[in-house]
Amino acid sequence: MIKLALFDLAGTSITDNNDVAKVFIQTLHDYSIHCSIEEINTVMGIPKRIAISTLIDNQSIVHNINKNELIDNIYRSFIKNMKEHYTSIQPVTSIDNIEAVFTELYNQGIMIYFDTGFPREIADIIIDLVGWKNYDWYTGVITADDVENGRPAPDMVYEAMRICSIESSDAIVKIGDTPSDMKEGVSAGCAAIIGVTYGSHSAEDLMNSGSTHIAHNTAELSTIILTLHHDN
């Protein structure tokens, strides 16, 4: 029996038309670091400071400040730009029909929780803007700020288990749209790891990263989770 469904935010539960990648690209460009969407996608889902560090390491650019200071500056700019994007440029919207999925799972006795590579201040803005705290199925969100190690480490899954009083990860299904989501689920020993292809990565990318199931839309996603729930 599945007791908890742990959903990623951007690209899985929240619409993301490469919005995060585009903000990342513009922010890095302001620091003379030039990356493609493909390069950005390789670090999607992981804590943003680590993502920035990885992207800097991939660039053969000499900067006039030390790396840690550069990371801090880029990180602060990214947070500022992401806040502006979500509050002024592109309003936050949920994936079509995903709230119906949450409701259906909740009505079947499955708890709904979220985890994200975003810092707490961005995650809270997203949750407030979509109004999910008004729904019975909303339990909470864990961010990279809340644990020692972000994805692909299992820390956020374990924190969800602690908060929701889940004794074993084999009662959890992890859902996401990035390889780091899949690897997180694998490292935590989740009962199932579902990759959704309506986000940032292909089915091949997700399967190569450890997904046990692939959902191409929210209807398939709901069916997979409920089948797992009733079969165990």
C-alpha atoms as a PDB file:
ATOM      1  CA  MET A   1       0.000   0.000   0.000  1.00  0.00           C
ATOM      2  CA  ILE A   2       1.273   3.447  -0.923  1.00  0.00           C
ATOM      3  CA  LYS A   3       1.008   5.862   1.991  1.00  0.00           C
ATOM      4  CA  LEU A   4       2.760   8.913   0.572  1.00  0.00           C
ATOM      5  CA  ALA A   5       3.174  10.423  -2.889  1.00  0.00           C
ATOM      6  CA  LEU A   6       6.153  12.789  -2.997  1.00  0.00           C
ATOM      7  CA  PHE A   7       5.904  15.209  -5.922  1.00  0.00           C
ATOM      8  CA  ASP A   8       8.519  17.529  -7.353  1.00  0.00           C
ATOM      9  CA  LEU A   9       7.339  21.108  -7.971  1.00  0.00           C
ATOM     10  CA  ALA A  10       8.506  22.831 -11.197  1.00  0.00           C
ATOM     11  CA  GLY A  11       7.892  20.702 -14.279  1.00  0.00           C
ATOM     12  CA  THR A  12       5.990  18.023 -12.354  1.00  0.00           C
ATOM     13  CA  SER A  13       3.305  19.862 -10.394  1.00  0.00           C
ATOM     14  CA  ILE A  14       3.896  23.451 -11.544  1.00  0.00           C
ATOM     15  CA  THR A  15       3.947  24.457 -15.202  1.00  0.00           C
ATOM     16  CA  ASP A  16       7.475  25.157 -16.386  1.00  0.00           C
ATOM     17  CA  ASN A  17       7.998  26.104 -20.016  1.00  0.00           C
ATOM     18  CA  ASN A  18      11.753  26.106 -19.469  1.00  0.00           C
ATOM     19  CA  ASP A  19      11.101  29.090 -17.180  1.00  0.00           C
ATOM     20  CA  VAL A  20      13.652  28.069 -14.557  1.00  0.00           C
ATOM     21  CA  ALA A  21      16.255  27.291 -17.218  1.00  0.00           C
ATOM     22  CA  LYS A  22      15.666  30.624 -18.953  1.00  0.00           C
ATOM     23  CA  VAL A  23      16.048  32.568 -15.699  1.00  0.00           C
ATOM     24  CA  PHE A  24      19.209  30.590 -14.970  1.00  0.00           C
ATOM     25  CA  ILE A  25      20.599  31.373 -18.427  1.00  0.00           C
ATOM     26  CA  GLN A  26      19.906  35.099 -18.101  1.00  0.00           C
ATOM     27  CA  THR A  27      21.346  35.251 -14.586  1.00  0.00           C
ATOM     28  CA  LEU A  28      24.534  33.473 -15.642  1.00  0.00           C
ATOM     29  CA  HIS A  29      24.787  35.676 -18.727  1.00  0.00           C
ATOM     30  CA  ASP A  30      24.896  38.717 -16.433  1.00  0.00           C
ATOM     31  CA  TYR A  31      28.108  37.234 -15.014  1.00  0.00           C
ATOM     32  CA  SER A  32      29.580  36.463 -18.465  1.00  0.00           C
ATOM     33  CA  ILE A  33      28.833  32.761 -18.131  1.00  0.00           C
ATOM     34  CA  HIS A  34      27.073  31.427 -21.201  1.00  0.00           C
ATOM     35  CA  CYS A  35      25.114  28.176 -21.024  1.00  0.00           C
ATOM     36  CA  SER A  36      22.560  26.489 -23.249  1.00  0.00           C
ATOM     37  CA  ILE A  37      19.229  25.105 -22.067  1.00  0.00           C
ATOM     38  CA  GLU A  38      20.695  21.630 -22.592  1.00  0.00           C
ATOM     39  CA  GLU A  39      23.540  22.436 -20.194  1.00  0.00           C
ATOM     40  CA  ILE A  40      21.136  23.904 -17.644  1.00  0.00           C
ATOM     41  CA  ASN A  41      18.913  20.827 -17.853  1.00  0.00           C
ATOM     42  CA  THR A  42      21.796  18.636 -16.685  1.00  0.00           C
ATOM     43  CA  VAL A  43      21.636  20.329 -13.267  1.00  0.00           C
ATOM     44  CA  MET A  44      17.873  20.737 -12.945  1.00  0.00           C
ATOM     45  CA  GLY A  45      16.394  19.498  -9.685  1.00  0.00           C
ATOM     46  CA  ILE A  46      19.544  19.708  -7.580  1.00  0.00           C
ATOM     47  CA  PRO A  47      20.221  22.439  -4.974  1.00  0.00           C
ATOM     48  CA  LYS A  48      20.784  25.687  -6.799  1.00  0.00           C
ATOM     49  CA  ARG A  49      24.176  26.528  -5.250  1.00  0.00           C
ATOM     50  CA  ILE A  50      25.502  23.138  -6.341  1.00  0.00           C
ATOM     51  CA  ALA A  51      23.983  23.656  -9.787  1.00  0.00           C
ATOM     52  CA  ILE A  52      25.750  27.015 -10.098  1.00  0.00           C
ATOM     53  CA  SER A  53      29.044  25.531  -8.931  1.00  0.00           C
ATOM     54  CA  THR A  54      28.771  22.724 -11.480  1.00  0.00           C
ATOM     55  CA  LEU A  55      28.034  25.130 -14.321  1.00  0.00           C
ATOM     56  CA  ILE A  56      30.961  27.360 -13.344  1.00  0.00           C
ATOM     57  CA  ASP A  57      33.286  24.353 -13.294  1.00  0.00           C
ATOM     58  CA  ASN A  58      32.203  23.521 -16.827  1.00  0.00           C
ATOM     59  CA  GLN A  59      33.293  26.970 -18.032  1.00  0.00           C
ATOM     60  CA  SER A  60      36.919  27.818 -18.766  1.00  0.00           C
ATOM     61  CA  ILE A  61      36.527  31.405 -17.590  1.00  0.00           C
ATOM     62  CA  VAL A  62      38.829  33.304 -15.256  1.00  0.00           C
ATOM     63  CA  HIS A  63      36.961  35.502 -12.767  1.00  0.00           C
ATOM     64  CA  ASN A  64      38.401  38.302 -10.690  1.00  0.00           C
ATOM     65  CA  ILE A  65      36.780  37.036  -7.468  1.00  0.00           C
ATOM     66  CA  ASN A  66      37.033  33.653  -5.770  1.00  0.00           C
ATOM     67  CA  LYS A  67      34.650  30.889  -6.719  1.00  0.00           C
ATOM     68  CA  ASN A  68      32.618  30.858  -3.491  1.00  0.00           C
ATOM     69  CA  GLU A  69      31.993  34.587  -3.713  1.00  0.00           C
ATOM     70  CA  LEU A  70      30.973  34.217  -7.347  1.00  0.00           C
ATOM     71  CA  ILE A  71      28.553  31.406  -6.457  1.00  0.00           C
ATOM     72  CA  ASP A  72      27.026  33.543  -3.694  1.00  0.00           C
ATOM     73  CA  ASN A  73      26.572  36.494  -6.041  1.00  0.00           C
ATOM     74  CA  ILE A  74      24.992  34.400  -8.796  1.00  0.00           C
ATOM     75  CA  TYR A  75      22.764  32.608  -6.289  1.00  0.00           C
ATOM     76  CA  ARG A  76      21.424  35.869  -4.858  1.00  0.00           C
ATOM     77  CA  SER A  77      20.782  37.186  -8.360  1.00  0.00           C
ATOM     78  CA  PHE A  78      19.020  33.979  -9.373  1.00  0.00           C
ATOM     79  CA  ILE A  79      16.720  34.111  -6.334  1.00  0.00           C
ATOM     80  CA  LYS A  80      15.890  37.758  -7.053  1.00  0.00           C
ATOM     81  CA  ASN A  81      15.218  37.030 -10.729  1.00  0.00           C
ATOM     82  CA  MET A  82      13.162  33.928  -9.964  1.00  0.00           C
ATOM     83  CA  LYS A  83      10.990  35.843  -7.498  1.00  0.00           C
ATOM     84  CA  GLU A  84      10.416  38.567 -10.072  1.00  0.00           C
ATOM     85  CA  HIS A  85       9.608  35.989 -12.733  1.00  0.00           C
ATOM     86  CA  TYR A  86       6.997  34.196 -10.645  1.00  0.00           C
ATOM     87  CA  THR A  87       5.385  37.315  -9.187  1.00  0.00           C
ATOM     88  CA  SER A  88       5.510  39.743 -12.123  1.00  0.00           C
ATOM     89  CA  ILE A  89       6.508  38.170 -15.439  1.00  0.00           C
ATOM     90  CA  GLN A  90       4.994  34.685 -15.659  1.00  0.00           C
ATOM     91  CA  PRO A  91       2.306  33.889 -13.074  1.00  0.00           C
ATOM     92  CA  VAL A  92       2.641  30.506 -11.399  1.00  0.00           C
ATOM     93  CA  THR A  93       0.137  27.916 -12.600  1.00  0.00           C
ATOM     94  CA  SER A  94      -0.313  24.266 -11.747  1.00  0.00           C
ATOM     95  CA  ILE A  95       0.003  21.525 -14.359  1.00  0.00           C
ATOM     96  CA  ASP A  96      -3.362  20.924 -16.038  1.00  0.00           C
ATOM     97  CA  ASN A  97      -5.447  18.440 -14.006  1.00  0.00           C
ATOM     98  CA  ILE A  98      -2.691  17.821 -11.437  1.00  0.00           C
ATOM     99  CA  GLU A  99      -4.864  19.121  -8.602  1.00  0.00           C
ATOM    100  CA  ALA A 100      -7.502  16.554  -9.557  1.00  0.00           C
ATOM    101  CA  VAL A 101      -4.793  13.890  -9.237  1.00  0.00           C
ATOM    102  CA  PHE A 102      -3.894  15.149  -5.763  1.00  0.00           C
ATOM    103  CA  THR A 103      -7.557  15.056  -4.750  1.00  0.00           C
ATOM    104  CA  GLU A 104      -8.072  11.545  -6.119  1.00  0.00           C
ATOM    105  CA  LEU A 105      -5.002  10.192  -4.338  1.00  0.00           C
ATOM    106  CA  TYR A 106      -5.943  11.925  -1.090  1.00  0.00           C
ATOM    107  CA  ASN A 107      -9.444  10.448  -1.264  1.00  0.00           C
ATOM    108  CA  GLN A 108      -7.836   7.008  -1.562  1.00  0.00           C
ATOM    109  CA  GLY A 109      -5.869   7.566   1.646  1.00  0.00           C
ATOM    110  CA  ILE A 110      -2.546   8.633   0.098  1.00  0.00           C
ATOM    111  CA  MET A 111      -0.800  11.628   1.642  1.00  0.00           C
ATOM    112  CA  ILE A 112       0.510  14.322  -0.708  1.00  0.00           C
ATOM    113  CA  TYR A 113       3.845  16.025  -0.070  1.00  0.00           C
ATOM    114  CA  PHE A 114       6.226  18.047  -2.213  1.00  0.00           C
ATOM    115  CA  ASP A 115       9.984  18.357  -2.444  1.00  0.00           C
ATOM    116  CA  THR A 116      12.094  20.711  -4.507  1.00  0.00           C
ATOM    117  CA  GLY A 117      15.591  21.853  -5.341  1.00  0.00           C
ATOM    118  CA  PHE A 118      14.385  25.427  -4.848  1.00  0.00           C
ATOM    119  CA  PRO A 119      15.322  27.256  -1.646  1.00  0.00           C
ATOM    120  CA  ARG A 120      12.587  27.791   0.936  1.00  0.00           C
ATOM    121  CA  GLU A 121      11.824  31.387  -0.046  1.00  0.00           C
ATOM    122  CA  ILE A 122      11.021  30.411  -3.650  1.00  0.00           C
ATOM    123  CA  ALA A 123       9.044  27.292  -2.705  1.00  0.00           C
ATOM    124  CA  ASP A 124       6.879  29.295  -0.297  1.00  0.00           C
ATOM    125  CA  ILE A 125       6.124  31.881  -2.994  1.00  0.00           C
ATOM    126  CA  ILE A 126       5.066  29.120  -5.398  1.00  0.00           C
ATOM    127  CA  ILE A 127       2.790  27.426  -2.866  1.00  0.00           C
ATOM    128  CA  ASP A 128       1.199  30.740  -1.873  1.00  0.00           C
ATOM    129  CA  LEU A 129       0.594  31.808  -5.481  1.00  0.00           C
ATOM    130  CA  VAL A 130      -1.159  28.566  -6.469  1.00  0.00           C
ATOM    131  CA  GLY A 131      -3.214  28.595  -3.264  1.00  0.00           C
ATOM    132  CA  TRP A 132      -2.592  24.968  -2.360  1.00  0.00           C
ATOM    133  CA  LYS A 133      -2.675  25.574   1.382  1.00  0.00           C
ATOM    134  CA  ASN A 134      -6.447  25.925   1.009  1.00  0.00           C
ATOM    135  CA  TYR A 135      -6.828  22.265  -0.017  1.00  0.00           C
ATOM    136  CA  ASP A 136      -7.286  19.347   2.369  1.00  0.00           C
ATOM    137  CA  TRP A 137      -4.702  17.295   0.469  1.00  0.00           C
ATOM    138  CA  TYR A 138      -1.891  19.807   0.989  1.00  0.00           C
ATOM    139  CA  THR A 139       0.515  18.628   3.697  1.00  0.00           C
ATOM    140  CA  GLY A 140       3.696  20.599   3.046  1.00  0.00           C
ATOM    141  CA  VAL A 141       6.868  21.066   1.024  1.00  0.00           C
ATOM    142  CA  ILE A 142      10.485  20.173   1.764  1.00  0.00           C
ATOM    143  CA  THR A 143      13.210  22.274   0.193  1.00  0.00           C
ATOM    144  CA  ALA A 144      16.935  21.938  -0.304  1.00  0.00           C
ATOM    145  CA  ASP A 145      17.324  24.376   2.615  1.00  0.00           C
ATOM    146  CA  ASP A 146      15.658  21.942   5.016  1.00  0.00           C
ATOM    147  CA  VAL A 147      18.155  19.084   4.746  1.00  0.00           C
ATOM    148  CA  GLU A 148      21.895  18.575   4.815  1.00  0.00           C
ATOM    149  CA  ASN A 149      22.066  17.088   1.328  1.00  0.00           C
ATOM    150  CA  GLY A 150      19.754  17.855  -1.568  1.00  0.00           C
ATOM    151  CA  ARG A 151      19.088  15.641  -4.559  1.00  0.00           C
ATOM    152  CA  PRO A 152      20.168  13.138  -5.628  1.00  0.00           C
ATOM    153  CA  ALA A 153      20.744  12.241  -1.959  1.00  0.00           C
ATOM    154  CA  PRO A 154      17.715  10.728  -0.164  1.00  0.00           C
ATOM    155  CA  ASP A 155      17.566  13.337   2.622  1.00  0.00           C
ATOM    156  CA  MET A 156      14.359  15.060   1.475  1.00  0.00           C
ATOM    157  CA  VAL A 157      12.569  11.715   1.191  1.00  0.00           C
ATOM    158  CA  TYR A 158      13.689  10.786   4.695  1.00  0.00           C
ATOM    159  CA  GLU A 159      12.532  14.160   6.015  1.00  0.00           C
ATOM    160  CA  ALA A 160       9.112  13.595   4.433  1.00  0.00           C
ATOM    161  CA  MET A 161       8.997  10.189   6.117  1.00  0.00           C
ATOM    162  CA  ARG A 162       9.778  11.776   9.479  1.00  0.00           C
ATOM    163  CA  ILE A 163       7.173  14.518   9.128  1.00  0.00           C
ATOM    164  CA  CYS A 164       4.468  12.159   7.865  1.00  0.00           C
ATOM    165  CA  SER A 165       5.324   9.327  10.286  1.00  0.00           C
ATOM    166  CA  ILE A 166       6.104   6.881   7.482  1.00  0.00           C
ATOM    167  CA  GLU A 167       8.244   4.030   8.784  1.00  0.00           C
ATOM    168  CA  SER A 168       9.554   2.677   5.493  1.00  0.00           C
ATOM    169  CA  SER A 169      10.341   4.198   2.112  1.00  0.00           C
ATOM    170  CA  ASP A 170       8.695   1.219   0.414  1.00  0.00           C
ATOM    171  CA  ALA A 171       5.390   2.942   1.212  1.00  0.00           C
ATOM    172  CA  ILE A 172       6.425   6.000  -0.825  1.00  0.00           C
ATOM    173  CA  VAL A 173       6.167   6.780  -4.514  1.00  0.00           C
ATOM    174  CA  LYS A 174       8.445   9.529  -5.826  1.00  0.00           C
ATOM    175  CA  ILE A 175       7.319  11.592  -8.830  1.00  0.00           C
ATOM    176  CA  GLY A 176       9.475  13.988 -10.841  1.00  0.00           C
ATOM    177  CA  ASP A 177      10.611  15.199 -14.254  1.00  0.00           C
ATOM    178  CA  THR A 178      14.406  15.224 -13.855  1.00  0.00           C
ATOM    179  CA  PRO A 179      17.155  12.606 -13.537  1.00  0.00           C
ATOM    180  CA  SER A 180      17.941  13.969 -10.067  1.00  0.00           C
ATOM    181  CA  ASP A 181      14.354  13.195  -8.991  1.00  0.00           C
ATOM    182  CA  MET A 182      14.759   9.621 -10.197  1.00  0.00           C
ATOM    183  CA  LYS A 183      18.126   9.178  -8.491  1.00  0.00           C
ATOM    184  CA  GLU A 184      16.689  10.603  -5.270  1.00  0.00           C
ATOM    185  CA  GLY A 185      13.942   7.991  -5.320  1.00  0.00           C
ATOM    186  CA  VAL A 186      16.424   5.208  -6.033  1.00  0.00           C
ATOM    187  CA  SER A 187      18.787   6.272  -3.251  1.00  0.00           C
ATOM    188  CA  ALA A 188      15.887   6.419  -0.778  1.00  0.00           C
ATOM    189  CA  GLY A 189      14.564   2.993  -1.763  1.00  0.00           C
ATOM    190  CA  CYS A 190      11.110   4.229  -2.746  1.00  0.00           C
ATOM    191  CA  ALA A 191       8.532   1.643  -3.778  1.00  0.00           C
ATOM    192  CA  ALA A 192       8.240   3.280  -7.183  1.00  0.00           C
ATOM    193  CA  ILE A 193       9.880   6.172  -8.999  1.00  0.00           C
ATOM    194  CA  ILE A 194       7.677   7.741 -11.654  1.00  0.00           C
ATOM    195  CA  GLY A 195       9.174   9.951 -14.329  1.00  0.00           C
ATOM    196  CA  VAL A 196       6.828  12.389 -16.053  1.00  0.00           C
ATOM    197  CA  THR A 197       7.648  13.362 -19.624  1.00  0.00           C
ATOM    198  CA  TYR A 198       5.584  16.562 -19.706  1.00  0.00           C
ATOM    199  CA  GLY A 199       8.407  18.348 -17.846  1.00  0.00           C
ATOM    200  CA  SER A 200      12.046  18.939 -18.735  1.00  0.00           C
ATOM    201  CA  HIS A 201      13.379  15.490 -19.678  1.00  0.00           C
ATOM    202  CA  SER A 202      12.646  12.614 -22.011  1.00  0.00           C
ATOM    203  CA  ALA A 203      11.491   9.138 -21.071  1.00  0.00           C
ATOM    204  CA  GLU A 204      14.932   7.822 -22.026  1.00  0.00           C
ATOM    205  CA  ASP A 205      16.678  10.270 -19.679  1.00  0.00           C
ATOM    206  CA  LEU A 206      14.348   9.331 -16.834  1.00  0.00           C
ATOM    207  CA  MET A 207      14.588   5.576 -17.403  1.00  0.00           C
ATOM    208  CA  ASN A 208      18.370   5.776 -17.572  1.00  0.00           C
ATOM    209  CA  SER A 209      18.298   7.513 -14.182  1.00  0.00           C
ATOM    210  CA  GLY A 210      16.269   4.845 -12.411  1.00  0.00           C
ATOM    211  CA  SER A 211      12.576   5.448 -13.027  1.00  0.00           C
ATOM    212  CA  THR A 212      10.386   2.390 -12.534  1.00  0.00           C
ATOM    213  CA  HIS A 213       7.443   3.899 -14.416  1.00  0.00           C
ATOM    214  CA  ILE A 214       6.880   6.590 -17.035  1.00  0.00           C
ATOM    215  CA  ALA A 215       3.796   8.824 -17.213  1.00  0.00           C
ATOM    216  CA  HIS A 216       3.201  10.961 -20.276  1.00  0.00           C
ATOM    217  CA  ASN A 217       0.279  12.862 -18.753  1.00  0.00           C
ATOM    218  CA  THR A 218      -1.586  13.295 -15.481  1.00  0.00           C
ATOM    219  CA  ALA A 219      -4.174  10.628 -16.320  1.00  0.00           C
ATOM    220  CA  GLU A 220      -1.424   8.022 -16.694  1.00  0.00           C
ATOM    221  CA  LEU A 221       0.225   9.315 -13.532  1.00  0.00           C
ATOM    222  CA  SER A 222      -2.929   8.841 -11.474  1.00  0.00           C
ATOM    223  CA  THR A 223      -3.526   5.367 -12.893  1.00  0.00           C
ATOM    224  CA  ILE A 224       0.021   4.225 -12.109  1.00  0.00           C
ATOM    225  CA  ILE A 225      -0.076   5.437  -8.509  1.00  0.00           C
ATOM    226  CA  LEU A 226      -3.529   4.018  -7.764  1.00  0.00           C
ATOM    227  CA  THR A 227      -2.581   0.673  -9.333  1.00  0.00           C
ATOM    228  CA  LEU A 228       0.501   0.518  -7.126  1.00  0.00           C
ATOM    229  CA  HIS A 229      -1.621   1.476  -4.131  1.00  0.00           C
ATOM    230  CA  HIS A 230      -4.185  -1.279  -4.668  1.00  0.00           C
ATOM    231  CA  ASP A 231      -1.710  -3.973  -5.733  1.00  0.00           C
ATOM    232  CA  ASN A 232       0.369  -3.769  -2.549  1.00  0.00           C
END
